[in-house]
Protein backbone atom coordinates (compact mmCIF):
# COMPACT_ATOMS: atom_id res chain seq x y z
CA UNK A 1 62.20 22.49 62.21
CA UNK A 2 61.61 25.73 63.97
CA UNK A 3 63.33 29.17 63.38
CA UNK A 4 63.18 31.55 66.63
CA UNK A 5 62.09 34.92 65.39
CA UNK A 6 62.76 37.19 68.91
CA UNK A 7 61.14 35.44 71.45
CA UNK A 8 58.78 33.76 68.98
CA UNK A 9 59.24 30.06 67.45
CA UNK A 10 57.41 29.35 64.22
CA UNK A 11 57.58 26.13 62.61
CA UNK A 12 59.54 26.10 59.14
CA UNK A 13 57.90 23.89 56.46
CA UNK A 14 60.18 22.28 54.54
CA UNK A 15 58.74 21.85 50.84
CA UNK A 16 59.27 18.07 51.35
CA UNK A 17 56.67 18.16 53.74
CA UNK A 18 54.05 19.94 51.55
CA UNK A 19 54.65 18.30 48.27
CA UNK A 20 53.67 14.45 46.99
CA UNK A 21 56.21 14.39 44.38
CA UNK A 22 59.33 16.57 43.07
CA UNK A 23 60.61 16.62 39.45
CA UNK A 24 63.62 17.42 38.92
CA UNK A 25 64.99 17.78 35.06
CA UNK A 26 68.72 18.35 33.83
CA UNK A 27 68.28 20.21 31.24
CA UNK A 28 70.66 20.28 27.63
CA UNK A 29 70.36 21.83 24.37
CA UNK A 30 68.54 18.93 22.39
CA UNK A 31 66.90 16.71 25.49
CA UNK A 32 65.66 17.02 29.04
CA UNK A 33 66.38 13.95 31.44
CA UNK A 34 63.26 14.25 33.79
CA UNK A 35 63.47 12.30 37.31
CA UNK A 36 60.05 12.01 39.47
CA UNK A 37 60.86 11.42 42.92
CA UNK A 38 58.63 11.11 46.38
CA UNK A 39 59.43 13.84 48.58
CA UNK A 40 62.25 11.63 50.63
CA UNK A 41 64.61 11.60 47.51
CA UNK A 42 63.42 8.20 46.49
CA UNK A 43 62.97 7.67 42.44
CA UNK A 44 59.60 6.92 40.99
CA UNK A 45 60.60 6.91 36.90
CA UNK A 46 63.32 8.61 35.02
CA UNK A 47 62.99 9.68 31.27
CA UNK A 48 64.33 11.49 28.66
CA UNK A 49 62.50 13.89 26.43
CA UNK A 50 63.49 16.35 23.16
CA UNK A 51 63.87 20.00 24.29
CA UNK A 52 60.96 20.94 22.09
CA UNK A 53 57.73 22.44 22.10
CA UNK A 54 56.53 18.39 21.53
CA UNK A 55 59.00 17.35 24.33
CA UNK A 56 57.33 19.54 26.82
CA UNK A 57 53.96 18.35 26.11
CA UNK A 58 55.35 14.82 26.69
CA UNK A 59 57.48 15.41 29.58
CA UNK A 60 54.02 17.28 31.68
CA UNK A 61 51.50 14.43 30.49
CA UNK A 62 54.15 11.45 31.52
CA UNK A 63 54.62 13.46 34.67
CA UNK A 64 51.12 14.04 35.60
CA UNK A 65 50.30 10.10 34.22
CA UNK A 66 53.12 8.96 36.89
CA UNK A 67 53.04 11.25 39.68
CA UNK A 68 51.55 9.89 43.03
CA UNK A 69 49.69 12.99 43.64
CA UNK A 70 48.54 16.88 42.78
CA UNK A 71 50.54 18.84 44.53
CA UNK A 72 54.30 18.86 42.71
CA UNK A 73 56.67 21.01 42.07
CA UNK A 74 59.44 20.68 39.02
CA UNK A 75 63.20 21.46 39.88
CA UNK A 76 64.80 22.85 36.94
CA UNK A 77 68.91 23.00 36.74
CA UNK A 78 69.37 25.80 34.02
CA UNK A 79 66.04 28.03 33.66
CA UNK A 80 67.61 30.67 32.22
CA UNK A 81 69.13 28.55 29.25
CA UNK A 82 67.90 25.71 27.73
CA UNK A 83 65.47 25.22 30.73
CA UNK A 84 63.63 28.67 30.07
CA UNK A 85 60.88 26.83 27.61
CA UNK A 86 60.50 23.80 30.04
CA UNK A 87 60.15 26.33 32.71
CA UNK A 88 57.49 28.80 31.12
CA UNK A 89 54.96 26.13 29.83
CA UNK A 90 55.28 24.16 33.23
CA UNK A 91 54.32 27.56 34.95
CA UNK A 92 51.58 28.02 32.67
CA UNK A 93 50.09 24.36 33.33
CA UNK A 94 50.27 25.60 36.83
CA UNK A 95 53.48 23.84 38.28
CA UNK A 96 55.50 25.45 40.61
CA UNK A 97 58.80 25.47 39.45
CA UNK A 98 61.97 25.89 41.11
CA UNK A 99 65.62 27.36 39.69
CA UNK A 100 67.81 24.72 41.04
CA UNK A 101 71.37 25.49 41.22
CA UNK A 102 73.63 23.86 39.41
CA UNK A 103 75.59 20.48 41.28
CA UNK A 104 78.83 21.37 43.06
CA UNK A 105 81.74 19.44 42.57
CA UNK A 106 81.59 18.27 45.88
CA UNK A 107 78.05 16.60 45.38
CA UNK A 108 79.24 14.86 42.20
CA UNK A 109 82.05 13.16 44.09
CA UNK A 110 81.93 9.85 44.15
CA UNK A 111 78.53 9.60 42.18
CA UNK A 112 80.07 10.33 38.56
CA UNK A 113 78.37 12.33 36.28
CA UNK A 114 75.65 11.78 34.09
CA UNK A 115 72.21 13.05 33.09
CA UNK A 116 69.70 10.64 35.48
CA UNK A 117 72.30 12.04 38.21
CA UNK A 118 71.92 15.53 37.96
CA UNK A 119 68.21 15.29 37.48
CA UNK A 120 68.26 13.72 40.76
CA UNK A 121 70.21 16.52 42.49
CA UNK A 122 67.89 18.63 41.25
CA UNK A 123 65.12 16.59 42.90
CA UNK A 124 67.63 16.63 46.54
CA UNK A 125 67.98 20.10 46.06
CA UNK A 126 64.39 21.17 45.93
CA UNK A 127 63.49 18.73 49.19
CA UNK A 128 65.88 20.47 51.27
CA UNK A 129 64.10 24.20 50.47
CA UNK A 130 62.37 26.07 53.22
CA UNK A 131 58.56 25.96 51.34
CA UNK A 132 58.53 29.94 52.14
CA UNK A 133 61.42 30.70 50.19
CA UNK A 134 61.33 29.10 46.98
CA UNK A 135 63.80 30.41 44.10
CA UNK A 136 62.06 31.20 41.21
CA UNK A 137 63.04 31.34 37.82
CA UNK A 138 64.19 34.55 36.49
CA UNK A 139 63.40 33.86 32.63
CA UNK A 140 61.18 36.63 31.70
CA UNK A 141 60.50 40.45 32.71
CA UNK A 142 62.87 43.23 32.83
CA UNK A 143 65.44 41.06 34.59
CA UNK A 144 65.79 39.19 31.77
CA UNK A 145 65.62 41.41 29.12
CA UNK A 146 68.71 43.43 30.62
CA UNK A 147 70.65 40.07 30.78
CA UNK A 148 70.07 39.97 26.96
CA UNK A 149 70.83 43.01 26.19
CA UNK A 150 74.00 43.67 28.03
CA UNK A 151 75.16 39.92 26.48
CA UNK A 152 74.19 41.24 22.95
CA UNK A 153 76.29 44.47 23.74
CA UNK A 154 79.21 42.70 24.63
CA UNK A 155 79.22 40.55 21.94
CA UNK A 156 79.12 43.95 19.97
CA UNK A 157 81.91 45.17 21.59
CA UNK A 158 84.22 42.10 21.15
CA UNK A 159 83.37 42.11 17.29
CA UNK A 160 84.11 45.57 17.05
CA UNK A 161 87.85 45.15 18.79
CA UNK A 162 88.45 42.26 16.35
CA UNK A 163 87.70 44.13 13.28
CA UNK A 164 89.87 47.05 14.23
CA UNK A 165 92.73 45.20 15.03
CA UNK A 166 94.00 44.03 11.26
CA UNK A 167 93.13 47.97 10.26
CA UNK A 168 95.53 49.04 13.41
CA UNK A 169 98.18 47.09 12.22
CA UNK A 170 98.10 48.03 8.62
CA UNK A 171 98.21 51.65 8.97
CA UNK A 172 101.28 51.32 11.30
């Protein structure tokens, strides 16, 4: 693939051209569905792991055991919620982590809905990306702290409003 900038034409490397395998992860509260696939999208192996520190260690050990080479990337759906812990552990272990978008209904149409399908869709999402512009997780830092504070404030405001209503009815 090439991209034209003015008069210059520069080749753009796709992620599939620079990795040995892509790991796709569909995250849930209690478990994660993990798939290892070749850059072509062909599945190598798939397995489910618990979504806790023991499961993260087992996931990484399994990935390194089954991957066809050292150049890996992990595409995780839900890096700001159930996938935050795995994303942090994988990044600490030296794996590049991509924040995979949730699959659209049009991508699921005709395929059904299952955890293994969603893990595979996380792989396919990553394979087509421009290697120079990978979407990295935003699970740490100021942006995440602000998001948590705003969510907490919204919950407090909602709770305060609900507790004020009965008192207003009694006073009326």
